[in-house]
C-alpha atoms as a PDB file:
ATOM      1  CA  MET A   1      -4.323  42.188   5.233  1.00  0.00           C
ATOM      2  CA  THR A   2      -7.344  44.192   4.252  1.00  0.00           C
ATOM      3  CA  GLY A   3      -5.605  45.877   1.508  1.00  0.00           C
ATOM      4  CA  ASP A   4      -6.976  49.118   3.185  1.00  0.00           C
ATOM      5  CA  VAL A   5      -5.329  51.360   5.704  1.00  0.00           C
ATOM      6  CA  ALA A   6      -8.595  52.657   6.958  1.00  0.00           C
ATOM      7  CA  LYS A   7      -9.888  49.110   7.544  1.00  0.00           C
ATOM      8  CA  ALA A   8      -6.858  48.177   9.047  1.00  0.00           C
ATOM      9  CA  GLN A   9      -6.867  50.792  11.655  1.00  0.00           C
ATOM     10  CA  GLU A  10     -10.643  50.191  12.197  1.00  0.00           C
ATOM     11  CA  VAL A  11     -10.212  46.547  13.013  1.00  0.00           C
ATOM     12  CA  PHE A  12      -7.164  47.335  15.231  1.00  0.00           C
ATOM     13  CA  GLN A  13      -9.249  49.981  17.093  1.00  0.00           C
ATOM     14  CA  ASP A  14     -11.880  47.528  17.515  1.00  0.00           C
ATOM     15  CA  THR A  15      -9.825  44.753  18.647  1.00  0.00           C
ATOM     16  CA  LEU A  16      -8.213  47.113  21.165  1.00  0.00           C
ATOM     17  CA  ARG A  17     -11.867  48.199  22.329  1.00  0.00           C
ATOM     18  CA  GLU A  18     -12.929  44.342  22.798  1.00  0.00           C
ATOM     19  CA  ALA A  19      -9.586  43.856  24.862  1.00  0.00           C
ATOM     20  CA  ALA A  20     -10.261  46.663  27.117  1.00  0.00           C
ATOM     21  CA  PHE A  21     -13.830  45.660  27.595  1.00  0.00           C
ATOM     22  CA  HIS A  22     -12.814  42.304  28.768  1.00  0.00           C
ATOM     23  CA  SER A  23     -10.176  43.684  30.938  1.00  0.00           C
ATOM     24  CA  ALA A  24     -12.425  45.757  32.763  1.00  0.00           C
ATOM     25  CA  ASN A  25     -14.664  43.127  33.002  1.00  0.00           C
ATOM     26  CA  ALA A  26     -11.733  40.422  34.994  1.00  0.00           C
ATOM     27  CA  GLU A  27     -11.981  38.355  31.877  1.00  0.00           C
ATOM     28  CA  PRO A  28      -8.478  39.190  30.355  1.00  0.00           C
ATOM     29  CA  PRO A  29      -7.325  37.625  27.112  1.00  0.00           C
ATOM     30  CA  PRO A  30      -6.687  33.887  27.502  1.00  0.00           C
ATOM     31  CA  ASP A  31      -3.048  33.908  25.712  1.00  0.00           C
ATOM     32  CA  ARG A  32      -0.401  36.239  23.951  1.00  0.00           C
ATOM     33  CA  TYR A  33      -1.952  34.933  20.740  1.00  0.00           C
ATOM     34  CA  TRP A  34      -5.220  36.545  21.437  1.00  0.00           C
ATOM     35  CA  PHE A  35      -4.857  39.876  19.800  1.00  0.00           C
ATOM     36  CA  PHE A  36      -3.295  38.250  16.694  1.00  0.00           C
ATOM     37  CA  ARG A  37      -6.325  35.950  16.461  1.00  0.00           C
ATOM     38  CA  GLN A  38      -9.173  38.478  17.179  1.00  0.00           C
ATOM     39  CA  ALA A  39      -7.594  41.033  14.435  1.00  0.00           C
ATOM     40  CA  ARG A  40      -7.029  37.994  11.882  1.00  0.00           C
ATOM     41  CA  TRP A  41     -10.451  36.673  12.312  1.00  0.00           C
ATOM     42  CA  ARG A  42     -12.002  40.423  11.742  1.00  0.00           C
ATOM     43  CA  CYS A  43      -9.626  41.361   8.597  1.00  0.00           C
ATOM     44  CA  LEU A  44     -11.121  38.197   6.893  1.00  0.00           C
ATOM     45  CA  ASP A  45     -14.581  39.079   7.925  1.00  0.00           C
ATOM     46  CA  THR A  46     -14.019  42.662   6.472  1.00  0.00           C
ATOM     47  CA  THR A  47     -12.386  41.426   3.362  1.00  0.00           C
ATOM     48  CA  ALA A  48     -15.038  38.901   2.867  1.00  0.00           C
ATOM     49  CA  GLN A  49     -17.665  41.532   2.831  1.00  0.00           C
ATOM     50  CA  GLY A  50     -16.051  43.603   0.366  1.00  0.00           C
ATOM     51  CA  VAL A  51     -14.748  43.016  -3.455  1.00  0.00           C
ATOM     52  CA  GLN A  52     -12.483  40.049  -3.704  1.00  0.00           C
ATOM     53  CA  PRO A  53      -9.661  39.699  -5.887  1.00  0.00           C
ATOM     54  CA  GLU A  54      -9.815  37.520  -9.074  1.00  0.00           C
ATOM     55  CA  ILE A  55      -8.430  34.208  -8.392  1.00  0.00           C
ATOM     56  CA  LEU A  56      -5.437  34.085 -11.159  1.00  0.00           C
ATOM     57  CA  GLU A  57      -3.754  30.582 -12.374  1.00  0.00           C
ATOM     58  CA  SER A  58      -0.867  30.197  -9.972  1.00  0.00           C
ATOM     59  CA  HIS A  59       2.560  29.163 -11.354  1.00  0.00           C
ATOM     60  CA  VAL A  60       4.896  27.685  -8.958  1.00  0.00           C
ATOM     61  CA  ALA A  61       8.430  26.370  -9.649  1.00  0.00           C
ATOM     62  CA  GLU A  62      11.013  24.566  -7.307  1.00  0.00           C
ATOM     63  CA  VAL A  63      12.420  26.273  -4.622  1.00  0.00           C
ATOM     64  CA  SER A  64      15.943  27.281  -5.686  1.00  0.00           C
ATOM     65  CA  GLU A  65      19.291  27.390  -3.626  1.00  0.00           C
ATOM     66  CA  ASN A  66      19.598  30.966  -5.196  1.00  0.00           C
ATOM     67  CA  ALA A  67      16.285  31.931  -3.544  1.00  0.00           C
ATOM     68  CA  PRO A  68      18.072  33.737  -0.386  1.00  0.00           C
ATOM     69  CA  GLU A  69      20.269  36.011  -2.484  1.00  0.00           C
ATOM     70  CA  GLN A  70      17.052  36.426  -4.865  1.00  0.00           C
ATOM     71  CA  ILE A  71      15.327  37.635  -1.739  1.00  0.00           C
ATOM     72  CA  SER A  72      17.956  40.049  -0.218  1.00  0.00           C
ATOM     73  CA  ARG A  73      17.599  42.406  -3.720  1.00  0.00           C
ATOM     74  CA  LEU A  74      14.067  42.335  -2.986  1.00  0.00           C
ATOM     75  CA  ASP A  75      12.555  45.384  -1.272  1.00  0.00           C
ATOM     76  CA  PRO A  76      10.814  44.795   1.865  1.00  0.00           C
ATOM     77  CA  GLU A  77       7.586  46.481   0.201  1.00  0.00           C
ATOM     78  CA  GLN A  78       7.849  43.892  -2.533  1.00  0.00           C
ATOM     79  CA  LEU A  79       8.199  41.036  -0.285  1.00  0.00           C
ATOM     80  CA  ALA A  80       4.977  42.462   1.477  1.00  0.00           C
ATOM     81  CA  ILE A  81       2.961  43.011  -1.491  1.00  0.00           C
ATOM     82  CA  TRP A  82       3.494  39.823  -2.812  1.00  0.00           C
ATOM     83  CA  ILE A  83       2.593  38.017   0.320  1.00  0.00           C
ATOM     84  CA  SER A  84      -0.642  40.109   0.728  1.00  0.00           C
ATOM     85  CA  ALA A  85      -1.852  38.880  -2.292  1.00  0.00           C
ATOM     86  CA  ALA A  86      -1.888  35.285  -1.335  1.00  0.00           C
ATOM     87  CA  PRO A  87      -5.238  33.439  -0.480  1.00  0.00           C
ATOM     88  CA  ASP A  88      -5.507  33.112   3.546  1.00  0.00           C
ATOM     89  CA  PRO A  89      -4.743  31.061   5.370  1.00  0.00           C
ATOM     90  CA  GLN A  90      -1.518  31.026   3.221  1.00  0.00           C
ATOM     91  CA  ARG A  91      -1.148  34.842   3.475  1.00  0.00           C
ATOM     92  CA  SER A  92      -0.946  34.619   7.106  1.00  0.00           C
ATOM     93  CA  ALA A  93       1.179  31.352   7.487  1.00  0.00           C
ATOM     94  CA  LEU A  94       3.744  32.952   5.033  1.00  0.00           C
ATOM     95  CA  ALA A  95       3.950  36.474   6.746  1.00  0.00           C
ATOM     96  CA  LEU A  96       4.582  34.217  10.024  1.00  0.00           C
ATOM     97  CA  PHE A  97       6.812  31.836   8.578  1.00  0.00           C
ATOM     98  CA  TYR A  98       9.299  34.567   6.834  1.00  0.00           C
ATOM     99  CA  LEU A  99       8.890  36.835  10.030  1.00  0.00           C
ATOM    100  CA  ASP A 100      10.828  33.785  11.479  1.00  0.00           C
ATOM    101  CA  GLU A 101       9.710  34.661  15.153  1.00  0.00           C
ATOM    102  CA  PHE A 102       7.482  32.068  15.867  1.00  0.00           C
ATOM    103  CA  SER A 103       7.372  28.313  16.204  1.00  0.00           C
ATOM    104  CA  TYR A 104       5.686  26.160  14.301  1.00  0.00           C
ATOM    105  CA  ARG A 105       3.387  25.060  17.138  1.00  0.00           C
ATOM    106  CA  GLU A 106       2.986  29.046  18.001  1.00  0.00           C
ATOM    107  CA  ILE A 107       1.922  29.664  14.181  1.00  0.00           C
ATOM    108  CA  MET A 108      -0.724  26.618  14.269  1.00  0.00           C
ATOM    109  CA  SER A 109      -2.194  28.591  17.666  1.00  0.00           C
ATOM    110  CA  MET A 110      -2.576  31.549  16.090  1.00  0.00           C
ATOM    111  CA  LEU A 111      -4.387  30.763  12.655  1.00  0.00           C
ATOM    112  CA  GLY A 112      -6.138  27.898  14.333  1.00  0.00           C
ATOM    113  CA  ILE A 113      -5.043  25.432  11.637  1.00  0.00           C
ATOM    114  CA  LYS A 114      -3.490  21.951  11.945  1.00  0.00           C
ATOM    115  CA  LEU A 115      -0.141  20.848  10.955  1.00  0.00           C
ATOM    116  CA  GLY A 116      -0.760  19.403   7.633  1.00  0.00           C
ATOM    117  CA  GLU A 117      -2.582  22.586   6.423  1.00  0.00           C
ATOM    118  CA  LEU A 118       0.373  24.776   7.690  1.00  0.00           C
ATOM    119  CA  ALA A 119       2.719  22.510   5.873  1.00  0.00           C
ATOM    120  CA  HIS A 120       0.723  22.592   2.726  1.00  0.00           C
ATOM    121  CA  SER A 121       0.575  26.668   3.038  1.00  0.00           C
ATOM    122  CA  ILE A 122       3.854  27.198   3.413  1.00  0.00           C
ATOM    123  CA  ALA A 123       5.308  24.642   0.925  1.00  0.00           C
ATOM    124  CA  ILE A 124       2.636  25.908  -1.774  1.00  0.00           C
ATOM    125  CA  GLY A 125       3.420  29.149  -1.142  1.00  0.00           C
ATOM    126  CA  ARG A 126       7.511  29.104  -1.273  1.00  0.00           C
ATOM    127  CA  CYS A 127       6.982  27.499  -4.622  1.00  0.00           C
ATOM    128  CA  GLU A 128       4.426  29.887  -5.920  1.00  0.00           C
ATOM    129  CA  PHE A 129       7.069  32.755  -4.591  1.00  0.00           C
ATOM    130  CA  GLN A 130       9.824  31.089  -6.206  1.00  0.00           C
ATOM    131  CA  ALA A 131       8.073  31.305  -9.614  1.00  0.00           C
ATOM    132  CA  TRP A 132       7.146  34.914  -8.874  1.00  0.00           C
ATOM    133  CA  LEU A 133      10.857  35.554  -7.658  1.00  0.00           C
ATOM    134  CA  ASN A 134      12.408  33.788 -10.775  1.00  0.00           C
ATOM    135  CA  THR A 135      10.187  36.265 -13.081  1.00  0.00           C
ATOM    136  CA  SER A 136      10.742  39.403 -11.081  1.00  0.00           C
ATOM    137  CA  VAL A 137      14.223  38.943  -9.600  1.00  0.00           C
ATOM    138  CA  PRO A 138      16.464  36.566 -11.936  1.00  0.00           C
ATOM    139  CA  SER A 139      19.225  34.317 -10.625  1.00  0.00           C
ATOM    140  CA  ARG A 140      22.761  35.792 -11.517  1.00  0.00           C
END
């Protein structure tokens, strides 16, 4: 999320330090998503203090029935790079959506957003991703 390995490691260490401090004071994290939320907000804060990417015009396309085949031809790094360039909360929503490990309710809890915002982030992200796929990995 930070675009910088050193900053990401610093955020991770700061999050662990805070968790250890709370645990030492008999105040464990309230739920299993606490670590994710804390790390995410720290990443957002860190990136807000740095240089922000230029916002470019986004292109969209209808999600294709060939998308799974196109995605299977991608290197995992290509998908990670594309998702990391998306604005937040879209970036986080897409990452969690494509991990396919969490329910919508869990994703909303981790990101602190409502269902409408989550649905919008995923829908727009998928259409933008399809447009990128169409240019990067054309359908056969």
